[in-house]
Amino acid sequence: MIVHFSQIATILLMVAGLYVVIARGNMVKKLIGLSLFQTSVYLLYILPGKVLGGTPPILDPARAVYANPLPHVLILTAIVVGIATLALGLTLVVRIKEAYGTIEEDEILAKEGPKENLKDRVRNRSKSGRGGTAA
């Protein structure tokens, strides 16, 4: 059971992050959930990359088992992209707060008002003469 602890922790992080992204309306909380989910994906890729008894991939006649460095390199890149994504998301949250005065999705949608559906927009355009074919 102890052997699979890291896999269980990865799954719990993934479920918790996904739950926060789906269930919360606060945009900062959604970004935190996204970060939790990203962290679980990092662990998901790193865990199989560990080789027990493996050494760094430096050629040495005394060593026979080497660890693969590729998952670690890919995860370092993913961490940088994740930080950039989080920074951009926080920047957008600040702009949304300035524009709407709130970061709650429900309040923003209420301020936007009801949207007409696509069929109504097409029907209104054809009646007004815009977007139709030229005669």
C-alpha atoms as a PDB file:
ATOM      1  CA  MET A   1       0.000   0.000   0.000  1.00  0.00           C
ATOM      2  CA  ILE A   2       2.881   2.384   0.757  1.00  0.00           C
ATOM      3  CA  VAL A   3       4.293   1.782  -2.722  1.00  0.00           C
ATOM      4  CA  HIS A   4       1.192   3.263  -4.318  1.00  0.00           C
ATOM      5  CA  PHE A   5       0.977   6.267  -1.983  1.00  0.00           C
ATOM      6  CA  SER A   6       2.359   8.640  -4.602  1.00  0.00           C
ATOM      7  CA  GLN A   7      -0.151   7.440  -7.177  1.00  0.00           C
ATOM      8  CA  ILE A   8      -2.999   7.865  -4.709  1.00  0.00           C
ATOM      9  CA  ALA A   9      -1.789  11.370  -3.836  1.00  0.00           C
ATOM     10  CA  THR A  10      -1.606  12.220  -7.547  1.00  0.00           C
ATOM     11  CA  ILE A  11      -5.177  11.063  -8.139  1.00  0.00           C
ATOM     12  CA  LEU A  12      -6.442  12.978  -5.089  1.00  0.00           C
ATOM     13  CA  LEU A  13      -4.719  16.160  -6.288  1.00  0.00           C
ATOM     14  CA  MET A  14      -6.198  15.693  -9.733  1.00  0.00           C
ATOM     15  CA  VAL A  15      -9.728  15.177  -8.409  1.00  0.00           C
ATOM     16  CA  ALA A  16      -9.435  18.100  -5.985  1.00  0.00           C
ATOM     17  CA  GLY A  17      -8.148  20.439  -8.680  1.00  0.00           C
ATOM     18  CA  LEU A  18     -10.831  19.409 -11.151  1.00  0.00           C
ATOM     19  CA  TYR A  19     -13.529  19.817  -8.494  1.00  0.00           C
ATOM     20  CA  VAL A  20     -12.375  23.339  -7.639  1.00  0.00           C
ATOM     21  CA  VAL A  21     -12.285  24.351 -11.311  1.00  0.00           C
ATOM     22  CA  ILE A  22     -15.792  23.031 -11.949  1.00  0.00           C
ATOM     23  CA  ALA A  23     -17.579  23.823  -8.672  1.00  0.00           C
ATOM     24  CA  ARG A  24     -16.323  27.278  -7.739  1.00  0.00           C
ATOM     25  CA  GLY A  25     -17.473  30.555  -9.251  1.00  0.00           C
ATOM     26  CA  ASN A  26     -14.632  32.688  -7.935  1.00  0.00           C
ATOM     27  CA  MET A  27     -12.037  33.082 -10.671  1.00  0.00           C
ATOM     28  CA  VAL A  28      -9.036  33.151  -8.325  1.00  0.00           C
ATOM     29  CA  LYS A  29     -10.198  29.879  -6.782  1.00  0.00           C
ATOM     30  CA  LYS A  30     -10.540  28.441 -10.282  1.00  0.00           C
ATOM     31  CA  LEU A  31      -6.929  29.399 -11.010  1.00  0.00           C
ATOM     32  CA  ILE A  32      -5.812  27.727  -7.780  1.00  0.00           C
ATOM     33  CA  GLY A  33      -7.720  24.601  -8.808  1.00  0.00           C
ATOM     34  CA  LEU A  34      -6.063  24.733 -12.214  1.00  0.00           C
ATOM     35  CA  SER A  35      -2.666  24.908 -10.506  1.00  0.00           C
ATOM     36  CA  LEU A  36      -3.533  21.884  -8.354  1.00  0.00           C
ATOM     37  CA  PHE A  37      -4.583  19.980 -11.452  1.00  0.00           C
ATOM     38  CA  GLN A  38      -1.363  20.949 -13.254  1.00  0.00           C
ATOM     39  CA  THR A  39       0.693  19.792 -10.284  1.00  0.00           C
ATOM     40  CA  SER A  40      -1.016  16.417 -10.373  1.00  0.00           C
ATOM     41  CA  VAL A  41      -0.189  16.100 -14.073  1.00  0.00           C
ATOM     42  CA  TYR A  42       3.459  16.893 -13.303  1.00  0.00           C
ATOM     43  CA  LEU A  43       3.493  14.107 -10.722  1.00  0.00           C
ATOM     44  CA  LEU A  44       1.739  11.785 -13.131  1.00  0.00           C
ATOM     45  CA  TYR A  45       4.577  12.190 -15.632  1.00  0.00           C
ATOM     46  CA  ILE A  46       7.448  12.250 -13.130  1.00  0.00           C
ATOM     47  CA  LEU A  47       6.491   9.116 -11.166  1.00  0.00           C
ATOM     48  CA  PRO A  48       7.065   6.573 -13.967  1.00  0.00           C
ATOM     49  CA  GLY A  49      10.328   8.324 -14.905  1.00  0.00           C
ATOM     50  CA  LYS A  50      11.977   7.255 -11.652  1.00  0.00           C
ATOM     51  CA  VAL A  51      14.070   4.103 -12.011  1.00  0.00           C
ATOM     52  CA  LEU A  52      14.984   2.349  -8.766  1.00  0.00           C
ATOM     53  CA  GLY A  53      18.734   1.956  -8.624  1.00  0.00           C
ATOM     54  CA  GLY A  54      19.124   4.146 -11.697  1.00  0.00           C
ATOM     55  CA  THR A  55      21.933   6.653 -11.956  1.00  0.00           C
ATOM     56  CA  PRO A  56      22.184   9.876 -13.915  1.00  0.00           C
ATOM     57  CA  PRO A  57      22.718   9.187 -17.626  1.00  0.00           C
ATOM     58  CA  ILE A  58      26.487   9.650 -17.541  1.00  0.00           C
ATOM     59  CA  LEU A  59      28.341   6.875 -19.341  1.00  0.00           C
ATOM     60  CA  ASP A  60      30.293   4.844 -16.835  1.00  0.00           C
ATOM     61  CA  PRO A  61      31.356   1.213 -17.320  1.00  0.00           C
ATOM     62  CA  ALA A  62      30.616   0.490 -13.639  1.00  0.00           C
ATOM     63  CA  ARG A  63      26.944   1.439 -13.986  1.00  0.00           C
ATOM     64  CA  ALA A  64      24.359  -0.494 -15.934  1.00  0.00           C
ATOM     65  CA  VAL A  65      20.993   1.105 -15.074  1.00  0.00           C
ATOM     66  CA  TYR A  66      20.356   4.684 -16.084  1.00  0.00           C
ATOM     67  CA  ALA A  67      17.427   6.951 -15.292  1.00  0.00           C
ATOM     68  CA  ASN A  68      15.701   8.604 -18.224  1.00  0.00           C
ATOM     69  CA  PRO A  69      16.078  12.414 -17.985  1.00  0.00           C
ATOM     70  CA  LEU A  70      13.416  13.195 -20.602  1.00  0.00           C
ATOM     71  CA  PRO A  71      10.374  13.248 -18.240  1.00  0.00           C
ATOM     72  CA  HIS A  72      12.195  15.636 -15.927  1.00  0.00           C
ATOM     73  CA  VAL A  73      13.096  17.986 -18.758  1.00  0.00           C
ATOM     74  CA  LEU A  74       9.536  17.966 -20.071  1.00  0.00           C
ATOM     75  CA  ILE A  75       8.138  18.691 -16.625  1.00  0.00           C
ATOM     76  CA  LEU A  76      10.519  21.617 -16.132  1.00  0.00           C
ATOM     77  CA  THR A  77       9.178  23.064 -19.362  1.00  0.00           C
ATOM     78  CA  ALA A  78       5.606  22.375 -18.263  1.00  0.00           C
ATOM     79  CA  ILE A  79       6.223  24.137 -14.939  1.00  0.00           C
ATOM     80  CA  VAL A  80       7.429  27.256 -16.755  1.00  0.00           C
ATOM     81  CA  VAL A  81       4.388  27.188 -19.049  1.00  0.00           C
ATOM     82  CA  GLY A  82       2.111  26.633 -16.027  1.00  0.00           C
ATOM     83  CA  ILE A  83       3.561  29.660 -14.226  1.00  0.00           C
ATOM     84  CA  ALA A  84       3.106  31.788 -17.336  1.00  0.00           C
ATOM     85  CA  THR A  85      -0.478  30.566 -17.688  1.00  0.00           C
ATOM     86  CA  LEU A  86      -1.198  31.359 -14.049  1.00  0.00           C
ATOM     87  CA  ALA A  87       0.300  34.844 -14.412  1.00  0.00           C
ATOM     88  CA  LEU A  88      -1.812  35.518 -17.500  1.00  0.00           C
ATOM     89  CA  GLY A  89      -4.920  34.209 -15.736  1.00  0.00           C
ATOM     90  CA  LEU A  90      -4.328  36.456 -12.732  1.00  0.00           C
ATOM     91  CA  THR A  91      -3.802  39.403 -15.066  1.00  0.00           C
ATOM     92  CA  LEU A  92      -7.122  38.676 -16.761  1.00  0.00           C
ATOM     93  CA  VAL A  93      -8.837  38.389 -13.371  1.00  0.00           C
ATOM     94  CA  VAL A  94      -7.526  41.858 -12.455  1.00  0.00           C
ATOM     95  CA  ARG A  95      -8.863  43.291 -15.741  1.00  0.00           C
ATOM     96  CA  ILE A  96     -12.230  41.578 -15.214  1.00  0.00           C
ATOM     97  CA  LYS A  97     -12.387  42.994 -11.680  1.00  0.00           C
ATOM     98  CA  GLU A  98     -11.742  46.483 -13.086  1.00  0.00           C
ATOM     99  CA  ALA A  99     -14.389  46.089 -15.799  1.00  0.00           C
ATOM    100  CA  TYR A 100     -17.168  44.381 -13.821  1.00  0.00           C
ATOM    101  CA  GLY A 101     -16.325  45.125 -10.199  1.00  0.00           C
ATOM    102  CA  THR A 102     -16.420  41.428  -9.271  1.00  0.00           C
ATOM    103  CA  ILE A 103     -14.641  38.151  -9.951  1.00  0.00           C
ATOM    104  CA  GLU A 104     -17.649  35.900  -9.352  1.00  0.00           C
ATOM    105  CA  GLU A 105     -18.921  34.248 -12.546  1.00  0.00           C
ATOM    106  CA  ASP A 106     -22.599  34.421 -11.577  1.00  0.00           C
ATOM    107  CA  GLU A 107     -22.458  38.165 -10.922  1.00  0.00           C
ATOM    108  CA  ILE A 108     -20.635  38.810 -14.205  1.00  0.00           C
ATOM    109  CA  LEU A 109     -23.182  36.787 -16.163  1.00  0.00           C
ATOM    110  CA  ALA A 110     -26.009  38.661 -14.424  1.00  0.00           C
ATOM    111  CA  LYS A 111     -24.457  42.003 -15.414  1.00  0.00           C
ATOM    112  CA  GLU A 112     -24.076  40.859 -19.021  1.00  0.00           C
ATOM    113  CA  GLY A 113     -27.786  40.133 -19.301  1.00  0.00           C
ATOM    114  CA  PRO A 114     -29.520  37.492 -21.385  1.00  0.00           C
ATOM    115  CA  LYS A 115     -27.915  36.619 -24.690  1.00  0.00           C
ATOM    116  CA  GLU A 116     -29.951  35.863 -27.742  1.00  0.00           C
ATOM    117  CA  ASN A 117     -29.270  32.512 -29.307  1.00  0.00           C
ATOM    118  CA  LEU A 118     -27.650  31.966 -32.694  1.00  0.00           C
ATOM    119  CA  LYS A 119     -30.909  31.310 -34.572  1.00  0.00           C
ATOM    120  CA  ASP A 120     -32.383  34.626 -33.382  1.00  0.00           C
ATOM    121  CA  ARG A 121     -29.241  36.513 -34.445  1.00  0.00           C
ATOM    122  CA  VAL A 122     -29.326  34.963 -37.914  1.00  0.00           C
ATOM    123  CA  ARG A 123     -33.039  35.695 -38.244  1.00  0.00           C
ATOM    124  CA  ASN A 124     -32.572  39.330 -37.133  1.00  0.00           C
ATOM    125  CA  ARG A 125     -29.699  39.846 -39.568  1.00  0.00           C
ATOM    126  CA  SER A 126     -31.648  38.471 -42.507  1.00  0.00           C
ATOM    127  CA  LYS A 127     -34.599  40.727 -41.670  1.00  0.00           C
ATOM    128  CA  SER A 128     -32.421  43.833 -41.438  1.00  0.00           C
ATOM    129  CA  GLY A 129     -30.733  43.096 -44.770  1.00  0.00           C
ATOM    130  CA  ARG A 130     -27.241  42.635 -43.352  1.00  0.00           C
ATOM    131  CA  GLY A 131     -25.337  39.463 -43.980  1.00  0.00           C
ATOM    132  CA  GLY A 132     -27.620  38.344 -46.789  1.00  0.00           C
ATOM    133  CA  THR A 133     -26.640  37.556 -50.355  1.00  0.00           C
ATOM    134  CA  ALA A 134     -26.268  40.393 -52.823  1.00  0.00           C
ATOM    135  CA  ALA A 135     -28.968  40.582 -55.500  1.00  0.00           C
END
